[in-house]
Amino acid sequence: MRQQWKQKASETRYCETCGSLLRRRRNKAGRLEGYRDFMRRRFCSLSCANSRSKGGESRNAYLYRARKHLKEAREACGQTTELHAHHVNEDWKDNRPENIQTLCVFCHQFWHGIHRRLGVSAIKPMPKLVSCLPTGLPPEWDDCAAMVTPLSRKSRRK
């Protein structure tokens, strides 16, 4: 005589897209879907799983829209290449023009890295970077220009 196994009581689960009740499926041989497989399943069918409406729009769609608000130059360092869209309030779904700041990849990582290390969230845009070096040399350094000699070491040939 075959031994009959007790069927595990499964909790009520619903499809994430359409909200219909999920039931354990039976295969072609009539066996019930494994309990662990059933607990992993999130959608009732392939059409629901492939639906674009599962959980709203994707992060890439929001970031694509954010890139439309980029300015011609970076707002912190002034360069015009490698532009990134930085969300000031760190909410990537908030694509208002006043929430988008144009930064380079280095400034963007620096700004988030500083706040991560400090354990705070950024609430203001990254300030404009000001160079510590003066634009011109002071007049008293003009006498030193004659003493500058080329390096004695020869450069390597390529």
C-alpha atoms as a PDB file:
ATOM      1  CA  MET A   1       0.000   0.000   0.000  1.00  0.00           C
ATOM      2  CA  ARG A   2       1.279   3.450  -0.918  1.00  0.00           C
ATOM      3  CA  GLN A   3       1.895   5.817   1.881  1.00  0.00           C
ATOM      4  CA  GLN A   4      -0.043   9.066   1.603  1.00  0.00           C
ATOM      5  CA  TRP A   5       1.870  12.151   2.682  1.00  0.00           C
ATOM      6  CA  LYS A   6       0.107  14.986   4.370  1.00  0.00           C
ATOM      7  CA  GLN A   7      -0.131  18.056   2.210  1.00  0.00           C
ATOM      8  CA  LYS A   8       1.549  21.081   3.818  1.00  0.00           C
ATOM      9  CA  ALA A   9      -0.842  23.878   4.560  1.00  0.00           C
ATOM     10  CA  SER A  10       0.261  26.779   2.430  1.00  0.00           C
ATOM     11  CA  GLU A  11      -0.345  30.373   3.366  1.00  0.00           C
ATOM     12  CA  THR A  12      -2.549  32.519   1.192  1.00  0.00           C
ATOM     13  CA  ARG A  13      -0.438  34.302  -1.385  1.00  0.00           C
ATOM     14  CA  TYR A  14      -1.440  36.709  -4.113  1.00  0.00           C
ATOM     15  CA  CYS A  15       0.035  37.616  -7.496  1.00  0.00           C
ATOM     16  CA  GLU A  16       2.079  40.837  -7.322  1.00  0.00           C
ATOM     17  CA  THR A  17       0.679  42.091 -10.641  1.00  0.00           C
ATOM     18  CA  CYS A  18      -3.003  41.182 -10.836  1.00  0.00           C
ATOM     19  CA  GLY A  19      -3.704  40.299  -7.198  1.00  0.00           C
ATOM     20  CA  SER A  20      -5.272  36.901  -7.939  1.00  0.00           C
ATOM     21  CA  LEU A  21      -4.921  34.087  -5.420  1.00  0.00           C
ATOM     22  CA  LEU A  22      -1.897  31.829  -6.004  1.00  0.00           C
ATOM     23  CA  ARG A  23      -2.517  28.099  -5.779  1.00  0.00           C
ATOM     24  CA  ARG A  24      -0.046  25.238  -5.883  1.00  0.00           C
ATOM     25  CA  ARG A  25       0.068  23.870  -9.417  1.00  0.00           C
ATOM     26  CA  ARG A  26      -0.020  20.271 -10.516  1.00  0.00           C
ATOM     27  CA  ASN A  27       2.358  18.926 -13.171  1.00  0.00           C
ATOM     28  CA  LYS A  28       1.426  16.620 -16.059  1.00  0.00           C
ATOM     29  CA  ALA A  29       1.834  13.531 -13.883  1.00  0.00           C
ATOM     30  CA  GLY A  30      -0.609  14.954 -11.331  1.00  0.00           C
ATOM     31  CA  ARG A  31       1.990  15.720  -8.658  1.00  0.00           C
ATOM     32  CA  LEU A  32       1.642  18.870  -6.637  1.00  0.00           C
ATOM     33  CA  GLU A  33       4.164  21.687  -7.022  1.00  0.00           C
ATOM     34  CA  GLY A  34       6.894  21.622  -4.359  1.00  0.00           C
ATOM     35  CA  TYR A  35       6.189  23.727  -1.284  1.00  0.00           C
ATOM     36  CA  ARG A  36       9.478  25.595  -1.531  1.00  0.00           C
ATOM     37  CA  ASP A  37       8.893  26.361  -5.216  1.00  0.00           C
ATOM     38  CA  PHE A  38       5.412  27.614  -4.423  1.00  0.00           C
ATOM     39  CA  MET A  39       6.741  29.900  -1.678  1.00  0.00           C
ATOM     40  CA  ARG A  40       9.263  31.398  -4.120  1.00  0.00           C
ATOM     41  CA  ARG A  41       6.699  32.094  -6.826  1.00  0.00           C
ATOM     42  CA  ARG A  42       5.560  35.732  -7.046  1.00  0.00           C
ATOM     43  CA  PHE A  43       3.288  35.746 -10.104  1.00  0.00           C
ATOM     44  CA  CYS A  44       0.338  33.645 -11.261  1.00  0.00           C
ATOM     45  CA  SER A  45       1.478  33.336 -14.892  1.00  0.00           C
ATOM     46  CA  LEU A  46       4.212  34.296 -17.331  1.00  0.00           C
ATOM     47  CA  SER A  47       2.118  37.154 -18.683  1.00  0.00           C
ATOM     48  CA  CYS A  48       1.926  38.684 -15.198  1.00  0.00           C
ATOM     49  CA  ALA A  49       5.658  38.092 -14.618  1.00  0.00           C
ATOM     50  CA  ASN A  50       6.584  39.805 -17.908  1.00  0.00           C
ATOM     51  CA  SER A  51       4.184  42.677 -17.366  1.00  0.00           C
ATOM     52  CA  ARG A  52       5.704  46.162 -17.198  1.00  0.00           C
ATOM     53  CA  SER A  53       3.227  47.160 -14.530  1.00  0.00           C
ATOM     54  CA  LYS A  54       4.703  44.948 -11.808  1.00  0.00           C
ATOM     55  CA  GLY A  55       5.553  47.265  -8.959  1.00  0.00           C
ATOM     56  CA  GLY A  56       5.480  50.495 -10.968  1.00  0.00           C
ATOM     57  CA  GLU A  57       8.136  51.717 -13.356  1.00  0.00           C
ATOM     58  CA  SER A  58      11.721  50.595 -13.288  1.00  0.00           C
ATOM     59  CA  ARG A  59      14.600  52.560 -11.787  1.00  0.00           C
ATOM     60  CA  ASN A  60      16.193  52.857 -15.227  1.00  0.00           C
ATOM     61  CA  ALA A  61      13.108  54.646 -16.550  1.00  0.00           C
ATOM     62  CA  TYR A  62      13.300  57.225 -13.747  1.00  0.00           C
ATOM     63  CA  LEU A  63      17.050  57.723 -14.263  1.00  0.00           C
ATOM     64  CA  TYR A  64      16.500  58.161 -18.012  1.00  0.00           C
ATOM     65  CA  ARG A  65      14.028  60.955 -17.280  1.00  0.00           C
ATOM     66  CA  ALA A  66      16.457  62.514 -14.802  1.00  0.00           C
ATOM     67  CA  ARG A  67      19.167  62.696 -17.481  1.00  0.00           C
ATOM     68  CA  LYS A  68      16.893  64.943 -19.538  1.00  0.00           C
ATOM     69  CA  HIS A  69      17.385  67.676 -16.892  1.00  0.00           C
ATOM     70  CA  LEU A  70      21.192  67.706 -17.178  1.00  0.00           C
ATOM     71  CA  LYS A  71      22.885  71.029 -17.786  1.00  0.00           C
ATOM     72  CA  GLU A  72      25.703  71.713 -20.293  1.00  0.00           C
ATOM     73  CA  ALA A  73      28.464  71.714 -17.649  1.00  0.00           C
ATOM     74  CA  ARG A  74      29.028  70.134 -14.261  1.00  0.00           C
ATOM     75  CA  GLU A  75      27.755  72.337 -11.463  1.00  0.00           C
ATOM     76  CA  ALA A  76      30.579  71.561  -9.016  1.00  0.00           C
ATOM     77  CA  CYS A  77      33.761  71.496 -11.101  1.00  0.00           C
ATOM     78  CA  GLY A  78      32.700  73.106 -14.406  1.00  0.00           C
ATOM     79  CA  GLN A  79      33.798  70.343 -16.826  1.00  0.00           C
ATOM     80  CA  THR A  80      31.609  69.470 -19.815  1.00  0.00           C
ATOM     81  CA  THR A  81      32.194  65.694 -20.127  1.00  0.00           C
ATOM     82  CA  GLU A  82      31.037  62.607 -18.188  1.00  0.00           C
ATOM     83  CA  LEU A  83      27.833  64.145 -16.839  1.00  0.00           C
ATOM     84  CA  HIS A  84      25.791  62.371 -14.152  1.00  0.00           C
ATOM     85  CA  ALA A  85      22.363  63.213 -12.739  1.00  0.00           C
ATOM     86  CA  HIS A  86      22.537  63.562  -8.950  1.00  0.00           C
ATOM     87  CA  HIS A  87      19.293  63.587  -6.968  1.00  0.00           C
ATOM     88  CA  VAL A  88      19.749  66.105  -4.146  1.00  0.00           C
ATOM     89  CA  ASN A  89      17.274  64.467  -1.752  1.00  0.00           C
ATOM     90  CA  GLU A  90      18.532  60.967  -2.754  1.00  0.00           C
ATOM     91  CA  ASP A  91      15.050  59.928  -3.955  1.00  0.00           C
ATOM     92  CA  TRP A  92      15.547  58.662  -7.517  1.00  0.00           C
ATOM     93  CA  LYS A  93      11.795  58.867  -8.183  1.00  0.00           C
ATOM     94  CA  ASP A  94      11.800  62.652  -7.595  1.00  0.00           C
ATOM     95  CA  ASN A  95      12.740  64.086 -11.003  1.00  0.00           C
ATOM     96  CA  ARG A  96      11.872  67.727 -10.428  1.00  0.00           C
ATOM     97  CA  PRO A  97      14.432  70.022 -12.147  1.00  0.00           C
ATOM     98  CA  GLU A  98      15.348  71.665  -8.813  1.00  0.00           C
ATOM     99  CA  ASN A  99      16.153  68.214  -7.373  1.00  0.00           C
ATOM    100  CA  ILE A 100      18.547  67.243 -10.200  1.00  0.00           C
ATOM    101  CA  GLN A 101      22.163  68.422 -10.019  1.00  0.00           C
ATOM    102  CA  THR A 102      24.672  67.833 -12.805  1.00  0.00           C
ATOM    103  CA  LEU A 103      27.881  66.289 -11.431  1.00  0.00           C
ATOM    104  CA  CYS A 104      30.802  64.308 -12.799  1.00  0.00           C
ATOM    105  CA  VAL A 105      31.294  60.698 -11.724  1.00  0.00           C
ATOM    106  CA  PHE A 106      34.111  61.676  -9.332  1.00  0.00           C
ATOM    107  CA  CYS A 107      32.208  64.500  -7.617  1.00  0.00           C
ATOM    108  CA  HIS A 108      29.093  62.309  -7.437  1.00  0.00           C
ATOM    109  CA  GLN A 109      30.930  59.443  -5.707  1.00  0.00           C
ATOM    110  CA  PHE A 110      32.803  61.876  -3.454  1.00  0.00           C
ATOM    111  CA  TRP A 111      29.574  63.589  -2.342  1.00  0.00           C
ATOM    112  CA  HIS A 112      27.801  60.309  -1.532  1.00  0.00           C
ATOM    113  CA  GLY A 113      30.953  58.824   0.040  1.00  0.00           C
ATOM    114  CA  ILE A 114      31.362  61.769   2.436  1.00  0.00           C
ATOM    115  CA  HIS A 115      27.754  61.505   3.600  1.00  0.00           C
ATOM    116  CA  ARG A 116      27.968  57.716   3.907  1.00  0.00           C
ATOM    117  CA  ARG A 117      31.083  57.987   6.095  1.00  0.00           C
ATOM    118  CA  LEU A 118      29.488  60.651   8.264  1.00  0.00           C
ATOM    119  CA  GLY A 119      26.278  58.641   8.556  1.00  0.00           C
ATOM    120  CA  VAL A 120      24.019  61.475   7.394  1.00  0.00           C
ATOM    121  CA  SER A 121      21.896  61.983   4.303  1.00  0.00           C
ATOM    122  CA  ALA A 122      22.561  64.766   1.825  1.00  0.00           C
ATOM    123  CA  ILE A 123      19.902  67.463   1.991  1.00  0.00           C
ATOM    124  CA  LYS A 124      21.685  70.190   0.022  1.00  0.00           C
ATOM    125  CA  PRO A 125      23.233  70.186  -3.442  1.00  0.00           C
ATOM    126  CA  MET A 126      26.997  69.833  -3.726  1.00  0.00           C
ATOM    127  CA  PRO A 127      28.616  73.294  -3.525  1.00  0.00           C
ATOM    128  CA  LYS A 128      30.757  74.696  -6.313  1.00  0.00           C
ATOM    129  CA  LEU A 129      34.372  73.629  -5.919  1.00  0.00           C
ATOM    130  CA  VAL A 130      36.850  76.493  -5.585  1.00  0.00           C
ATOM    131  CA  SER A 131      40.501  75.922  -6.335  1.00  0.00           C
ATOM    132  CA  CYS A 132      42.903  76.606  -3.460  1.00  0.00           C
ATOM    133  CA  LEU A 133      45.650  77.666  -5.849  1.00  0.00           C
ATOM    134  CA  PRO A 134      45.779  81.308  -6.963  1.00  0.00           C
ATOM    135  CA  THR A 135      45.245  81.948 -10.658  1.00  0.00           C
ATOM    136  CA  GLY A 136      48.520  83.830 -11.020  1.00  0.00           C
ATOM    137  CA  LEU A 137      51.831  83.816  -9.179  1.00  0.00           C
ATOM    138  CA  PRO A 138      52.522  86.632  -6.705  1.00  0.00           C
ATOM    139  CA  PRO A 139      54.846  89.407  -7.990  1.00  0.00           C
ATOM    140  CA  GLU A 140      57.573  88.548  -5.470  1.00  0.00           C
ATOM    141  CA  TRP A 141      58.029  85.165  -7.152  1.00  0.00           C
ATOM    142  CA  ASP A 142      59.170  86.750 -10.431  1.00  0.00           C
ATOM    143  CA  ASP A 143      62.827  86.720  -9.264  1.00  0.00           C
ATOM    144  CA  CYS A 144      62.655  82.915  -8.783  1.00  0.00           C
ATOM    145  CA  ALA A 145      61.780  82.267 -12.421  1.00  0.00           C
ATOM    146  CA  ALA A 146      65.406  82.663 -13.577  1.00  0.00           C
ATOM    147  CA  MET A 147      66.606  80.019 -11.111  1.00  0.00           C
ATOM    148  CA  VAL A 148      64.341  77.309 -12.502  1.00  0.00           C
ATOM    149  CA  THR A 149      66.391  74.764 -14.426  1.00  0.00           C
ATOM    150  CA  PRO A 150      65.259  71.784 -16.449  1.00  0.00           C
ATOM    151  CA  LEU A 151      65.422  68.409 -14.813  1.00  0.00           C
ATOM    152  CA  SER A 152      68.785  66.707 -15.057  1.00  0.00           C
ATOM    153  CA  ARG A 153      67.154  63.325 -15.543  1.00  0.00           C
ATOM    154  CA  LYS A 154      66.492  62.431 -19.147  1.00  0.00           C
ATOM    155  CA  SER A 155      62.975  61.402 -20.076  1.00  0.00           C
ATOM    156  CA  ARG A 156      62.357  57.849 -21.197  1.00  0.00           C
ATOM    157  CA  ARG A 157      61.848  57.120 -24.829  1.00  0.00           C
ATOM    158  CA  LYS A 158      58.549  55.588 -25.791  1.00  0.00           C
END
